[in-house]
Protein backbone atom coordinates (compact mmCIF):
# COMPACT_ATOMS: atom_id res chain seq x y z
CA UNK A 1 -2.01 -2.42 -4.68
CA UNK A 2 -0.56 -3.72 -7.93
CA UNK A 3 2.90 -5.60 -8.05
CA UNK A 4 5.79 -3.24 -8.23
CA UNK A 5 7.16 -5.00 -11.30
CA UNK A 6 4.85 -2.97 -13.52
CA UNK A 7 5.85 -2.29 -17.14
CA UNK A 8 7.64 0.98 -18.02
CA UNK A 9 6.05 2.95 -20.71
CA UNK A 10 7.52 5.07 -23.51
CA UNK A 11 7.46 8.20 -21.49
CA UNK A 12 8.90 6.66 -18.39
CA UNK A 13 11.68 5.18 -20.48
CA UNK A 14 12.50 8.39 -22.33
CA UNK A 15 12.71 10.11 -18.89
CA UNK A 16 15.13 7.52 -17.59
CA UNK A 17 17.05 8.08 -20.74
CA UNK A 18 17.68 11.54 -19.86
CA UNK A 19 18.67 10.64 -16.37
CA UNK A 20 21.38 8.20 -18.07
CA UNK A 21 22.37 11.11 -20.19
CA UNK A 22 23.04 13.18 -17.12
CA UNK A 23 24.92 10.18 -15.58
CA UNK A 24 27.12 9.46 -18.50
CA UNK A 25 27.67 13.24 -19.24
CA UNK A 26 28.99 13.91 -15.75
CA UNK A 27 30.30 10.40 -15.16
CA UNK A 28 28.49 10.09 -11.62
CA UNK A 29 25.43 10.51 -9.92
CA UNK A 30 22.67 8.98 -7.55
CA UNK A 31 21.53 6.64 -10.07
CA UNK A 32 19.13 4.44 -8.04
CA UNK A 33 17.66 7.32 -5.94
CA UNK A 34 16.70 8.84 -9.28
CA UNK A 35 15.16 5.86 -11.03
CA UNK A 36 12.79 5.01 -7.98
CA UNK A 37 11.39 8.77 -8.45
CA UNK A 38 10.74 9.01 -12.22
CA UNK A 39 6.97 8.21 -12.02
CA UNK A 40 6.21 10.07 -8.92
CA UNK A 41 7.67 13.35 -10.68
CA UNK A 42 6.15 12.57 -13.76
CA UNK A 43 2.64 12.45 -12.65
CA UNK A 44 3.01 15.55 -10.32
CA UNK A 45 4.46 17.72 -13.35
CA UNK A 46 2.32 16.10 -16.12
CA UNK A 47 -0.94 15.61 -14.59
CA UNK A 48 -1.38 17.15 -11.14
CA UNK A 49 0.40 20.47 -10.09
CA UNK A 50 -0.23 23.79 -11.53
CA UNK A 51 3.47 24.68 -12.37
CA UNK A 52 4.93 25.25 -15.57
CA UNK A 53 7.93 27.34 -17.18
CA UNK A 54 5.59 30.35 -17.69
CA UNK A 55 3.95 30.53 -14.40
CA UNK A 56 7.13 29.61 -12.29
CA UNK A 57 7.39 33.16 -10.88
CA UNK A 58 3.72 33.66 -9.94
CA UNK A 59 2.54 33.62 -6.50
CA UNK A 60 -0.49 31.36 -6.96
CA UNK A 61 1.56 28.43 -8.53
CA UNK A 62 1.84 25.10 -6.64
CA UNK A 63 5.19 24.35 -5.11
CA UNK A 64 7.02 21.20 -5.43
CA UNK A 65 10.03 20.43 -3.19
CA UNK A 66 12.14 17.44 -3.69
CA UNK A 67 13.66 17.12 -0.20
CA UNK A 68 15.70 13.96 -1.01
CA UNK A 69 17.96 16.08 -3.06
CA UNK A 70 20.34 13.63 -4.10
CA UNK A 71 17.45 12.08 -6.43
CA UNK A 72 17.90 15.41 -8.41
CA UNK A 73 18.82 13.74 -11.57
CA UNK A 74 15.20 12.81 -12.00
CA UNK A 75 14.16 16.29 -11.15
CA UNK A 76 16.54 17.57 -13.80
CA UNK A 77 15.26 15.29 -16.52
CA UNK A 78 11.56 16.38 -15.94
CA UNK A 79 12.30 20.09 -15.67
CA UNK A 80 14.45 19.92 -18.72
CA UNK A 81 11.64 18.02 -20.49
CA UNK A 82 9.27 20.70 -19.53
CA UNK A 83 11.49 23.42 -21.10
CA UNK A 84 12.62 25.06 -17.83
CA UNK A 85 16.12 24.71 -19.15
CA UNK A 86 17.93 23.38 -22.19
CA UNK A 87 18.09 19.60 -22.66
CA UNK A 88 21.74 20.08 -23.56
CA UNK A 89 22.53 21.12 -20.08
CA UNK A 90 22.07 17.51 -19.15
CA UNK A 91 25.20 16.56 -20.73
CA UNK A 92 27.22 18.51 -18.26
CA UNK A 93 25.40 17.47 -15.13
CA UNK A 94 27.56 17.46 -12.00
CA UNK A 95 30.53 18.88 -13.90
CA UNK A 96 32.37 21.77 -12.27
CA UNK A 97 30.83 24.49 -14.60
CA UNK A 98 27.48 23.05 -14.73
CA UNK A 99 24.45 24.52 -13.11
CA UNK A 100 23.42 20.92 -12.57
CA UNK A 101 25.10 19.83 -9.15
CA UNK A 102 24.99 16.61 -7.39
CA UNK A 103 22.14 18.27 -5.24
CA UNK A 104 19.51 20.83 -6.74
CA UNK A 105 20.26 24.59 -6.03
CA UNK A 106 17.26 27.03 -6.17
CA UNK A 107 19.14 30.15 -7.37
CA UNK A 108 21.01 28.44 -9.90
CA UNK A 109 18.44 26.04 -11.84
CA UNK A 110 15.22 27.37 -12.92
CA UNK A 111 12.16 25.22 -11.27
CA UNK A 112 14.03 24.27 -8.30
CA UNK A 113 11.90 25.28 -5.35
CA UNK A 114 14.56 24.63 -2.53
CA UNK A 115 18.15 23.95 -2.26
CA UNK A 116 18.04 20.42 -0.73
CA UNK A 117 20.42 17.68 -0.11
CA UNK A 118 21.17 18.09 3.84
CA UNK A 119 18.48 15.78 4.41
CA UNK A 120 15.56 16.48 6.69
CA UNK A 121 14.77 20.19 5.90
CA UNK A 122 12.66 19.82 2.71
CA UNK A 123 9.37 19.12 4.77
CA UNK A 124 10.05 22.03 7.30
CA UNK A 125 10.47 24.27 4.24
CA UNK A 126 7.16 22.87 2.71
CA UNK A 127 5.32 23.35 6.09
CA UNK A 128 6.16 26.75 5.93
CA UNK A 129 4.89 27.22 2.44
CA UNK A 130 1.61 25.57 3.17
CA UNK A 131 1.24 27.63 6.17
CA UNK A 132 1.78 30.73 4.55
CA UNK A 133 -0.88 29.78 1.89
CA UNK A 134 -3.29 29.47 4.63
CA UNK A 135 -2.49 32.60 6.40
CA UNK A 136 -2.66 34.54 3.07
CA UNK A 137 -5.77 32.69 1.96
CA UNK A 138 -3.96 31.45 -1.18
CA UNK A 139 -5.13 28.30 -3.07
CA UNK A 140 -1.79 26.60 -4.16
CA UNK A 141 -0.66 23.24 -3.02
CA UNK A 142 2.59 22.27 -1.84
CA UNK A 143 4.10 19.01 -2.75
CA UNK A 144 7.22 17.61 -0.87
CA UNK A 145 9.04 14.13 -2.06
CA UNK A 146 10.92 12.79 0.89
CA UNK A 147 13.16 9.89 1.02
CA UNK A 148 12.57 6.88 3.20
CA UNK A 149 16.21 6.99 4.68
CA UNK A 150 15.74 10.73 5.22
CA UNK A 151 12.86 10.39 7.34
CA UNK A 152 15.18 8.97 10.10
CA UNK A 153 15.83 12.79 10.67
CA UNK A 154 14.27 14.33 13.56
CA UNK A 155 13.39 17.43 11.77
CA UNK A 156 11.11 15.49 9.60
CA UNK A 157 8.93 14.49 12.65
CA UNK A 158 9.02 17.95 14.17
CA UNK A 159 7.78 19.48 10.82
CA UNK A 160 5.09 16.56 10.86
CA UNK A 161 3.80 17.62 14.30
CA UNK A 162 3.73 21.19 13.15
CA UNK A 163 1.81 20.36 10.05
CA UNK A 164 -0.75 18.38 12.06
CA UNK A 165 -1.32 21.04 14.45
CA UNK A 166 -2.06 23.72 11.71
CA UNK A 167 -4.28 21.44 9.90
CA UNK A 168 -2.36 21.87 6.50
CA UNK A 169 -4.71 19.98 4.39
CA UNK A 170 -3.01 21.93 1.38
CA UNK A 171 0.35 20.03 2.22
CA UNK A 172 1.01 16.48 0.36
CA UNK A 173 3.96 14.55 1.57
CA UNK A 174 5.22 11.94 -0.78
CA UNK A 175 7.73 9.25 0.41
CA UNK A 176 9.65 7.32 -2.07
CA UNK A 177 9.82 4.11 -0.10
CA UNK A 178 12.47 2.20 -2.01
CA UNK A 179 13.60 0.67 1.18
CA UNK A 180 17.23 1.30 0.58
CA UNK A 181 19.22 4.13 2.14
CA UNK A 182 22.75 5.04 1.33
CA UNK A 183 24.77 1.81 2.12
CA UNK A 184 22.04 -0.83 2.92
CA UNK A 185 18.39 -1.49 3.52
CA UNK A 186 16.32 0.57 5.75
CA UNK A 187 15.39 -2.53 7.71
CA UNK A 188 18.83 -2.97 8.74
CA UNK A 189 20.07 0.61 9.27
CA UNK A 190 16.86 1.83 11.03
CA UNK A 191 13.56 0.04 10.44
CA UNK A 192 10.69 2.19 9.62
CA UNK A 193 7.84 -0.09 10.04
CA UNK A 194 5.05 0.34 11.11
CA UNK A 195 5.51 3.18 8.83
CA UNK A 196 1.70 3.88 7.95
CA UNK A 197 0.68 3.91 11.77
CA UNK A 198 3.70 6.34 12.53
CA UNK A 199 1.99 8.94 10.10
CA UNK A 200 -1.33 8.35 11.16
CA UNK A 201 -0.16 8.91 14.83
CA UNK A 202 1.32 12.26 13.86
CA UNK A 203 -2.04 13.25 12.51
CA UNK A 204 -1.79 12.72 8.82
CA UNK A 205 -4.18 11.37 6.35
CA UNK A 206 -2.24 8.21 5.05
CA UNK A 207 -2.36 6.35 1.91
CA UNK A 208 -0.25 3.88 -0.01
CA UNK A 209 0.43 3.13 -3.56
CA UNK A 210 2.65 1.53 -6.13
CA UNK A 211 4.93 4.22 -6.89
CA UNK A 212 5.61 3.12 -10.46
CA UNK A 213 1.88 2.75 -11.32
CA UNK A 214 0.78 5.93 -13.37
CA UNK A 215 -3.14 5.20 -12.67
CA UNK A 216 -2.62 4.63 -8.95
CA UNK A 217 -0.49 7.71 -8.66
CA UNK A 218 -2.95 9.88 -10.65
CA UNK A 219 -5.94 8.80 -8.82
CA UNK A 220 -4.33 9.33 -5.31
CA UNK A 221 -2.96 12.82 -6.05
CA UNK A 222 -6.28 13.84 -8.02
CA UNK A 223 -7.91 12.90 -4.51
CA UNK A 224 -5.77 14.95 -2.57
CA UNK A 225 -6.53 17.91 -4.82
CA UNK A 226 -9.95 17.66 -3.73
CA UNK A 227 -9.31 17.15 -0.13
CA UNK A 228 -11.87 18.53 2.24
CA UNK A 229 -10.40 17.05 5.58
CA UNK A 230 -8.70 19.25 7.99
CA UNK A 231 -5.40 16.99 8.05
CA UNK A 232 -2.18 17.02 6.04
CA UNK A 233 -1.63 14.26 3.77
CA UNK A 234 0.97 11.66 3.21
CA UNK A 235 1.32 8.99 0.35
CA UNK A 236 3.65 6.25 0.83
CA UNK A 237 5.03 5.14 -2.51
CA UNK A 238 6.32 1.60 -2.63
CA UNK A 239 9.17 1.77 -5.20
CA UNK A 240 12.16 -0.16 -6.48
CA UNK A 241 15.53 1.45 -6.37
CA UNK A 242 17.15 1.71 -9.69
CA UNK A 243 13.75 0.93 -11.52
CA UNK A 244 14.14 -0.11 -15.05
CA UNK A 245 17.54 -1.32 -14.91
CA UNK A 246 17.71 -5.04 -13.92
CA UNK A 247 21.11 -4.99 -12.89
CA UNK A 248 20.77 -2.01 -10.50
CA UNK A 249 17.33 -2.80 -8.99
CA UNK A 250 17.30 -3.12 -5.08
CA UNK A 251 21.12 -3.07 -5.16
CA UNK A 252 22.36 -0.62 -2.56
CA UNK A 253 25.75 -0.48 -4.58
CA UNK A 254 23.88 1.53 -7.05
CA UNK A 255 22.83 4.26 -4.55
CA UNK A 256 25.50 6.38 -6.13
CA UNK A 257 27.93 5.58 -8.88
CA UNK A 258 31.16 7.06 -10.44
CA UNK A 259 33.66 5.97 -12.63
CA UNK A 260 31.43 3.77 -14.63
CA UNK A 261 33.03 0.52 -16.00
CA UNK A 262 32.78 -0.08 -20.01
CA UNK A 263 30.10 -2.69 -19.19
CA UNK A 264 28.19 -0.62 -16.99
CA UNK A 265 27.98 2.20 -19.56
CA UNK A 266 26.96 -0.56 -22.14
CA UNK A 267 24.19 -1.79 -19.79
CA UNK A 268 22.87 1.72 -19.08
CA UNK A 269 22.44 2.45 -22.73
CA UNK A 270 21.02 -0.84 -23.59
CA UNK A 271 18.26 -0.53 -21.03
CA UNK A 272 17.10 2.74 -22.27
CA UNK A 273 17.42 1.78 -25.91
CA UNK A 274 15.23 -1.50 -25.83
């Protein structure tokens, strides 16, 4: 696996700029949680999943669920970039009259597959969708992105057992393993290791990648699309919380921010401008 401190390319910087646009427009948001997600969502929407603004209402399109709903600013950035709604809406994110809340809502925002934020229920929904595809003999894939802190929830492991029982090889679980949750490091709050072995013991095909390496992500997710095994699949993405913003990287204080100081605003703008 390549080092996590990989260079950010122009597209990744552009998408991070859209997240900053949300942060400064609304004056608050889960900054760190969004920045660790950018490359994951980018590869899924740009290169892997069969979903776009034109086929979104069709039965055979792929499903993408952001279970760690507090990372929604990254999802809003990619959906706006893909034309699901106007880029101008980003400037009102998290404000009272905006469709873009602090957690994504399915019936308010086009492109949002499930209303999430009460952590732990995105994977159960994804299991249901993947099972429905099997029962109806549909070929679509279901992708669900979960947070590392989120998988403290028992509902995640209950859903994992169900996915394994039903041999849901059309289901891809992606873990944003930035190793920080809410107020501290996962190793201190509730240690997840050995994470790979846990998922193997639940009957999953398990892989690990650098969650900021576009090539690694593409290779991993394209392999899943050709999956012939009768197992659900999970990819552990090693990421950096606040990636791309040195003052925020690996800093639990940037899990969520509001009332930005003048200096913080300058630093945010500087990182996406250089």
